[in-house]
């Protein structure tokens, strides 16, 4: 109640003492205040009207988005189908020490003078008859490296790996490493075989016949110049050692001179041992080829289910409806605290007004 209403009610009270009446009549008339009061809104009826309207609007927007996106997707698919049915990817060789794991090329690189042979792109699932490997040189040392990727059946993986090891040992080579893994219906066996260079062509052909070759890569690097330089350094060191030993036979050498010659002799012998070991490694590298064979079981492709127009529309509408709910939740998170603060402010103002009216009544 306002102060004006309280005064009117007090004036109309019967049986009030004359002193109180005179005090009340002596009060000045209050000035009129322009106060805005918010209109009364029935919250329940408002919610009953707005809630179905908001739900209907959201569902309608989702359905419209599903129909429009279905038409756009259909047109894009038609354009993509008309443009071309497949894509081809190309790659490059990055180094001699890393074999291409997923063979998308049939390449042969010769590093002893000739440039790389142009690569022919192949589908990873496509198979081809194994090519005749590049023959190594019969008069010079070569570092011969070959990679094979062979597709086999699930039950033939272990047999192919075992047969590959037998082929390497049958040619006088050995198995450098084996890594076999068979998770579930898939499987892979990676073998590094060392085979004499003179037998590497036959070995690669026999390995390719153990399954369907999907990738083949051969690289040859000349080692003859390196071996010749190492041999010349070995001969020079032997000559130096013989000369130093001959100088040490002189009995007239001083102690300092003898010590210098002995130290030089010791360093020359150490260098000779290192060069001899390196030369033996080069000869071994040039006489034993490295063949890396990967036998794998292809992964079974699941059947692709093509949804109809109605299914695509429903999926698109459902995803859009989920996004709408996410936006609504975000709005509630952002606006909720502000609305709570506003409600607390209104309630505080009403409580303050009631407290002021109560004090006025108590003072009267």
Protein backbone atom coordinates (compact mmCIF):
# COMPACT_ATOMS: atom_id res chain seq x y z
CA UNK A 1 0.00 0.00 0.00
CA UNK A 2 1.14 3.52 -0.76
CA UNK A 3 1.30 6.31 1.81
CA UNK A 4 -1.69 8.04 0.20
CA UNK A 5 -3.88 4.97 0.61
CA UNK A 6 -2.74 4.57 4.21
CA UNK A 7 -3.70 8.17 4.98
CA UNK A 8 -7.10 7.75 3.38
CA UNK A 9 -7.76 4.62 5.40
CA UNK A 10 -6.63 6.24 8.61
CA UNK A 11 -8.92 9.22 8.03
CA UNK A 12 -11.88 6.93 7.52
CA UNK A 13 -11.29 4.91 10.71
CA UNK A 14 -14.10 5.46 13.26
CA UNK A 15 -13.45 6.09 16.92
CA UNK A 16 -10.00 7.56 16.44
CA UNK A 17 -8.92 10.03 19.11
CA UNK A 18 -9.25 13.71 18.26
CA UNK A 19 -5.56 14.31 18.78
CA UNK A 20 -4.71 11.69 16.19
CA UNK A 21 -7.27 13.08 13.80
CA UNK A 22 -5.82 16.56 14.10
CA UNK A 23 -2.28 15.29 13.52
CA UNK A 24 -3.43 13.46 10.47
CA UNK A 25 -5.31 16.48 9.12
CA UNK A 26 -2.24 18.60 9.72
CA UNK A 27 -0.15 16.45 7.42
CA UNK A 28 0.51 18.11 4.05
CA UNK A 29 -0.95 16.59 0.97
CA UNK A 30 1.70 14.37 -0.72
CA UNK A 31 2.86 15.29 -4.16
CA UNK A 32 1.75 13.08 -6.91
CA UNK A 33 4.48 10.72 -8.10
CA UNK A 34 4.52 9.15 -11.47
CA UNK A 35 5.36 5.51 -10.75
CA UNK A 36 5.53 2.83 -13.39
CA UNK A 37 4.33 -0.56 -12.36
CA UNK A 38 5.07 -3.53 -14.57
CA UNK A 39 2.02 -5.15 -16.10
CA UNK A 40 0.84 -8.31 -14.46
CA UNK A 41 1.82 -11.35 -16.49
CA UNK A 42 0.48 -14.82 -15.86
CA UNK A 43 3.62 -16.94 -15.99
CA UNK A 44 1.83 -20.27 -16.35
CA UNK A 45 -0.29 -19.20 -19.30
CA UNK A 46 2.71 -17.59 -20.96
CA UNK A 47 4.76 -20.77 -20.63
CA UNK A 48 1.87 -22.90 -21.89
CA UNK A 49 1.74 -20.76 -25.03
CA UNK A 50 5.46 -20.14 -25.65
CA UNK A 51 6.79 -23.66 -24.97
CA UNK A 52 4.86 -25.42 -27.79
CA UNK A 53 5.58 -22.51 -30.12
CA UNK A 54 9.34 -22.72 -29.49
CA UNK A 55 9.35 -26.51 -29.91
CA UNK A 56 7.37 -26.29 -33.14
CA UNK A 57 9.68 -23.58 -34.47
CA UNK A 58 12.82 -25.63 -33.67
CA UNK A 59 11.46 -28.83 -35.22
CA UNK A 60 10.33 -26.94 -38.31
CA UNK A 61 13.74 -25.31 -38.75
CA UNK A 62 15.45 -28.72 -38.39
CA UNK A 63 13.14 -30.29 -40.97
CA UNK A 64 13.74 -27.44 -43.41
CA UNK A 65 17.49 -27.72 -42.94
CA UNK A 66 17.32 -31.49 -43.54
CA UNK A 67 15.43 -31.06 -46.83
CA UNK A 68 17.74 -28.31 -48.09
CA UNK A 69 20.97 -30.07 -47.10
CA UNK A 70 19.75 -33.30 -48.74
CA UNK A 71 19.33 -31.53 -52.04
CA UNK A 72 22.74 -29.86 -51.76
CA UNK A 73 24.47 -33.16 -50.94
CA UNK A 74 22.79 -34.87 -53.87
CA UNK A 75 23.96 -32.17 -56.29
CA UNK A 76 27.53 -32.27 -54.94
CA UNK A 77 27.62 -36.07 -55.29
CA UNK A 78 26.41 -35.81 -58.87
CA UNK A 79 29.09 -33.23 -59.70
CA UNK A 80 31.81 -35.37 -58.10
CA UNK A 81 30.66 -38.45 -59.98
CA UNK A 82 30.67 -36.60 -63.26
CA UNK A 83 34.11 -35.09 -62.67
CA UNK A 84 35.85 -38.43 -62.18
CA UNK A 85 35.56 -41.70 -60.40
CA UNK A 86 38.92 -41.95 -58.70
CA UNK A 87 42.06 -40.17 -57.64
CA UNK A 88 45.71 -41.10 -57.99
CA UNK A 89 48.33 -40.12 -55.47
CA UNK A 90 52.01 -39.80 -56.15
CA UNK A 91 54.99 -39.89 -53.85
CA UNK A 92 58.76 -39.67 -53.93
CA UNK A 93 61.55 -41.78 -52.58
CA UNK A 94 63.10 -40.24 -49.47
CA UNK A 95 66.15 -42.36 -48.86
CA UNK A 96 67.82 -45.69 -49.34
CA UNK A 97 67.29 -46.84 -45.78
CA UNK A 98 63.48 -46.63 -45.72
CA UNK A 99 61.34 -48.86 -47.84
CA UNK A 100 57.89 -47.75 -48.96
CA UNK A 101 55.53 -49.44 -46.52
CA UNK A 102 52.37 -48.99 -48.56
CA UNK A 103 53.52 -49.48 -52.10
CA UNK A 104 51.75 -47.08 -54.42
CA UNK A 105 54.52 -47.15 -57.04
CA UNK A 106 56.50 -49.58 -59.04
CA UNK A 107 59.91 -47.91 -59.10
CA UNK A 108 63.47 -48.83 -59.87
CA UNK A 109 66.28 -46.40 -58.97
CA UNK A 110 69.84 -46.76 -60.22
CA UNK A 111 72.32 -44.55 -58.34
CA UNK A 112 75.49 -45.58 -60.16
CA UNK A 113 75.32 -42.98 -62.89
CA UNK A 114 71.83 -43.27 -64.34
CA UNK A 115 68.84 -41.24 -63.20
CA UNK A 116 65.66 -42.58 -61.68
CA UNK A 117 63.33 -44.55 -63.88
CA UNK A 118 59.92 -42.88 -64.17
CA UNK A 119 57.46 -44.28 -61.62
CA UNK A 120 54.14 -45.74 -62.65
CA UNK A 121 51.31 -45.04 -60.18
CA UNK A 122 49.44 -48.11 -59.08
CA UNK A 123 46.40 -48.66 -56.93
CA UNK A 124 47.36 -50.07 -53.52
CA UNK A 125 44.89 -52.91 -53.99
CA UNK A 126 45.99 -53.65 -57.55
CA UNK A 127 48.28 -56.58 -58.18
CA UNK A 128 50.73 -57.18 -61.01
CA UNK A 129 53.15 -59.82 -62.07
CA UNK A 130 56.58 -59.33 -60.48
CA UNK A 131 58.99 -57.53 -62.79
CA UNK A 132 62.35 -58.94 -63.67
CA UNK A 133 64.66 -57.27 -61.10
CA UNK A 134 67.48 -55.07 -62.33
CA UNK A 135 70.58 -57.24 -62.72
CA UNK A 136 73.59 -56.27 -60.60
CA UNK A 137 76.95 -55.57 -62.18
CA UNK A 138 79.16 -58.59 -62.63
CA UNK A 139 82.43 -56.60 -62.66
CA UNK A 140 81.86 -54.00 -59.94
CA UNK A 141 80.71 -54.02 -56.33
CA UNK A 142 77.10 -52.89 -55.85
CA UNK A 143 74.93 -52.19 -52.87
CA UNK A 144 71.76 -53.97 -53.99
CA UNK A 145 68.51 -53.28 -52.13
CA UNK A 146 65.08 -54.62 -53.05
CA UNK A 147 61.65 -54.23 -51.46
CA UNK A 148 58.61 -56.39 -52.11
CA UNK A 149 55.06 -56.06 -50.84
CA UNK A 150 53.11 -59.25 -51.38
CA UNK A 151 49.45 -59.89 -50.62
CA UNK A 152 48.63 -63.36 -49.31
CA UNK A 153 45.62 -65.16 -47.89
CA UNK A 154 44.99 -65.25 -44.14
CA UNK A 155 45.93 -68.93 -43.85
CA UNK A 156 49.04 -68.57 -46.04
CA UNK A 157 50.82 -65.82 -44.09
CA UNK A 158 52.92 -68.09 -41.88
CA UNK A 159 53.65 -70.44 -44.75
CA UNK A 160 54.81 -67.57 -46.99
CA UNK A 161 57.10 -66.18 -44.25
CA UNK A 162 58.62 -69.62 -43.63
CA UNK A 163 59.10 -70.23 -47.33
CA UNK A 164 60.82 -66.83 -47.74
CA UNK A 165 63.35 -67.71 -45.02
CA UNK A 166 64.01 -71.06 -46.73
CA UNK A 167 64.63 -69.32 -50.06
CA UNK A 168 67.22 -66.97 -48.51
CA UNK A 169 69.06 -69.81 -46.77
CA UNK A 170 68.88 -71.96 -49.88
CA UNK A 171 70.91 -69.40 -51.83
CA UNK A 172 73.59 -69.20 -49.15
CA UNK A 173 72.17 -66.13 -47.42
CA UNK A 174 70.60 -65.61 -44.02
CA UNK A 175 67.61 -63.98 -42.32
CA UNK A 176 68.56 -60.61 -40.80
CA UNK A 177 65.23 -59.96 -39.04
CA UNK A 178 61.63 -61.18 -38.90
CA UNK A 179 58.63 -59.25 -37.57
CA UNK A 180 55.28 -61.06 -37.76
CA UNK A 181 51.99 -59.82 -36.37
CA UNK A 182 48.51 -61.32 -36.84
CA UNK A 183 45.82 -59.23 -35.08
CA UNK A 184 42.34 -60.67 -35.71
CA UNK A 185 41.61 -61.29 -39.36
CA UNK A 186 44.53 -59.17 -40.52
CA UNK A 187 48.20 -59.98 -40.48
CA UNK A 188 51.64 -58.80 -41.57
CA UNK A 189 55.08 -60.35 -41.76
CA UNK A 190 58.13 -58.18 -42.46
CA UNK A 191 61.39 -59.97 -43.29
CA UNK A 192 64.85 -58.61 -44.07
CA UNK A 193 66.86 -61.20 -46.01
CA UNK A 194 70.52 -61.09 -47.04
CA UNK A 195 71.11 -62.96 -50.28
CA UNK A 196 74.26 -63.16 -52.44
CA UNK A 197 74.12 -60.53 -55.16
CA UNK A 198 74.63 -63.16 -57.84
CA UNK A 199 71.41 -64.91 -56.73
CA UNK A 200 69.25 -61.91 -55.87
CA UNK A 201 67.31 -61.90 -59.17
CA UNK A 202 66.12 -65.47 -58.72
CA UNK A 203 65.38 -64.85 -55.04
CA UNK A 204 63.19 -61.82 -55.75
CA UNK A 205 61.26 -63.69 -58.44
CA UNK A 206 60.63 -66.65 -56.14
CA UNK A 207 59.53 -64.38 -53.32
CA UNK A 208 57.07 -62.67 -55.64
CA UNK A 209 55.47 -66.00 -56.53
CA UNK A 210 54.49 -66.62 -52.89
CA UNK A 211 51.48 -64.31 -53.31
CA UNK A 212 50.21 -61.35 -55.32
CA UNK A 213 52.83 -58.59 -55.63
CA UNK A 214 51.36 -55.14 -55.01
CA UNK A 215 54.60 -53.15 -54.89
CA UNK A 216 58.18 -53.68 -55.99
CA UNK A 217 61.18 -51.41 -55.52
CA UNK A 218 64.83 -51.96 -56.46
CA UNK A 219 67.83 -49.72 -55.81
CA UNK A 220 71.44 -50.24 -56.86
CA UNK A 221 74.38 -48.13 -55.65
CA UNK A 222 77.93 -48.51 -56.91
CA UNK A 223 80.52 -49.34 -54.21
CA UNK A 224 83.54 -50.05 -56.40
CA UNK A 225 85.02 -46.56 -56.15
CA UNK A 226 84.67 -46.58 -52.36
CA UNK A 227 86.26 -50.02 -52.16
CA UNK A 228 89.16 -48.92 -54.40
CA UNK A 229 89.82 -45.85 -52.23
CA UNK A 230 89.82 -47.96 -49.08
CA UNK A 231 92.20 -50.46 -50.66
CA UNK A 232 94.57 -47.68 -51.72
CA UNK A 233 94.52 -46.24 -48.19
CA UNK A 234 95.31 -49.71 -46.81
CA UNK A 235 98.30 -50.06 -49.17
CA UNK A 236 99.57 -46.60 -48.19
CA UNK A 237 99.28 -47.41 -44.49
CA UNK A 238 101.16 -50.68 -44.96
CA UNK A 239 103.91 -48.80 -46.78
CA UNK A 240 104.07 -46.24 -43.97
CA UNK A 241 104.25 -48.98 -41.33
CA UNK A 242 107.09 -50.74 -43.16
CA UNK A 243 109.03 -47.47 -43.46
CA UNK A 244 108.57 -46.63 -39.76
CA UNK A 245 109.67 -50.11 -38.70
CA UNK A 246 112.76 -49.80 -40.86
CA UNK A 247 113.61 -46.42 -39.32
CA UNK A 248 113.26 -47.85 -35.84
CA UNK A 249 116.01 -50.40 -36.66
CA UNK A 250 118.58 -47.58 -36.66
CA UNK A 251 120.56 -47.81 -33.37
CA UNK A 252 121.75 -44.19 -33.54
CA UNK A 253 118.27 -42.69 -32.95
CA UNK A 254 117.83 -40.40 -30.01
CA UNK A 255 115.25 -41.18 -27.34
CA UNK A 256 112.93 -38.37 -28.48
CA UNK A 257 113.19 -39.39 -32.13
CA UNK A 258 112.56 -43.05 -31.27
CA UNK A 259 109.52 -42.11 -29.20
CA UNK A 260 108.09 -40.02 -32.07
CA UNK A 261 108.55 -42.89 -34.54
CA UNK A 262 106.96 -45.42 -32.18
CA UNK A 263 103.95 -43.17 -31.65
CA UNK A 264 103.54 -42.68 -35.43
CA UNK A 265 103.84 -46.47 -35.92
CA UNK A 266 101.15 -47.10 -33.33
CA UNK A 267 98.76 -44.61 -34.98
CA UNK A 268 99.40 -46.10 -38.43
CA UNK A 269 98.62 -49.63 -37.18
CA UNK A 270 95.42 -48.39 -35.57
CA UNK A 271 94.34 -46.67 -38.79
CA UNK A 272 95.19 -49.81 -40.75
CA UNK A 273 92.92 -51.91 -38.53
CA UNK A 274 90.03 -49.48 -38.96
CA UNK A 275 90.48 -49.22 -42.74
CA UNK A 276 90.74 -52.99 -43.07
CA UNK A 277 87.51 -53.44 -41.13
CA UNK A 278 85.72 -50.81 -43.21
CA UNK A 279 86.98 -52.39 -46.43
CA UNK A 280 85.72 -55.80 -45.29
CA UNK A 281 82.31 -54.26 -44.56
CA UNK A 282 82.19 -52.67 -48.01
CA UNK A 283 83.05 -55.99 -49.65
CA UNK A 284 80.38 -57.73 -47.58
CA UNK A 285 77.86 -55.02 -48.48
CA UNK A 286 78.67 -55.45 -52.15
CA UNK A 287 78.42 -59.23 -52.15
CA UNK A 288 75.23 -59.63 -50.08
CA UNK A 289 72.04 -57.96 -51.30
CA UNK A 290 69.36 -56.78 -48.89
CA UNK A 291 65.83 -57.93 -49.73
CA UNK A 292 62.96 -56.61 -47.61
CA UNK A 293 59.75 -58.58 -48.10
CA UNK A 294 56.42 -57.64 -46.56
CA UNK A 295 53.67 -60.26 -46.66
CA UNK A 296 50.28 -58.93 -45.58
CA UNK A 297 46.66 -60.00 -45.38
CA UNK A 298 44.35 -57.32 -46.84
CA UNK A 299 41.69 -55.94 -44.55
CA UNK A 300 38.18 -56.97 -45.48
CA UNK A 301 36.16 -53.97 -46.56
CA UNK A 302 32.79 -53.60 -44.89
CA UNK A 303 29.73 -53.31 -47.10
CA UNK A 304 28.82 -49.68 -47.72
CA UNK A 305 25.21 -48.94 -46.86
CA UNK A 306 23.68 -46.21 -49.00
CA UNK A 307 20.93 -44.37 -47.19
CA UNK A 308 17.84 -43.24 -49.00
CA UNK A 309 16.66 -39.68 -49.34
CA UNK A 310 14.37 -39.96 -46.33
CA UNK A 311 17.16 -41.37 -44.15
CA UNK A 312 19.55 -38.59 -45.15
CA UNK A 313 16.87 -35.98 -44.45
CA UNK A 314 16.11 -37.42 -41.01
CA UNK A 315 19.81 -37.63 -40.10
CA UNK A 316 20.46 -34.07 -41.20
CA UNK A 317 17.39 -32.79 -39.34
CA UNK A 318 18.41 -34.69 -36.20
CA UNK A 319 21.91 -33.25 -36.26
CA UNK A 320 20.53 -29.74 -36.73
CA UNK A 321 18.11 -30.27 -33.84
CA UNK A 322 20.99 -31.34 -31.63
CA UNK A 323 22.83 -28.15 -32.58
CA UNK A 324 19.75 -26.11 -31.69
CA UNK A 325 19.60 -27.74 -28.26
CA UNK A 326 23.27 -26.96 -27.79
CA UNK A 327 22.65 -23.31 -28.68
CA UNK A 328 19.70 -23.18 -26.24
CA UNK A 329 21.81 -24.65 -23.47
CA UNK A 330 24.55 -22.12 -24.21
CA UNK A 331 22.01 -19.27 -24.06
CA UNK A 332 20.69 -20.53 -20.73
CA UNK A 333 24.21 -20.70 -19.34
CA UNK A 334 24.96 -17.14 -20.46
CA UNK A 335 21.58 -15.48 -19.73
CA UNK A 336 20.65 -17.52 -16.64
CA UNK A 337 22.89 -15.68 -14.14
CA UNK A 338 21.74 -12.31 -15.50
CA UNK A 339 18.07 -13.31 -15.13
CA UNK A 340 18.66 -14.52 -11.57
CA UNK A 341 20.34 -11.23 -10.62
CA UNK A 342 17.47 -9.25 -12.16
CA UNK A 343 14.89 -11.30 -10.24
CA UNK A 344 16.81 -10.79 -7.01
CA UNK A 345 16.88 -7.04 -7.68
CA UNK A 346 13.09 -6.88 -8.21
CA UNK A 347 12.43 -8.89 -5.06
CA UNK A 348 14.78 -6.68 -3.08
CA UNK A 349 13.02 -3.54 -4.30
CA UNK A 350 9.61 -4.90 -3.29
CA UNK A 351 10.90 -5.93 0.13
CA UNK A 352 12.38 -2.45 0.66
CA UNK A 353 9.08 -0.80 -0.30
CA UNK A 354 7.12 -3.00 2.12
CA UNK A 355 9.59 -2.24 4.91
CA UNK A 356 9.17 1.51 4.32
CA UNK A 357 5.36 1.22 4.48
CA UNK A 358 5.60 -0.74 7.71
CA UNK A 359 7.78 1.92 9.32
CA UNK A 360 5.35 4.58 8.25
CA UNK A 361 2.49 2.72 9.92
CA UNK A 362 4.48 2.22 13.10
CA UNK A 363 5.40 5.90 13.35
CA UNK A 364 1.73 6.90 12.88
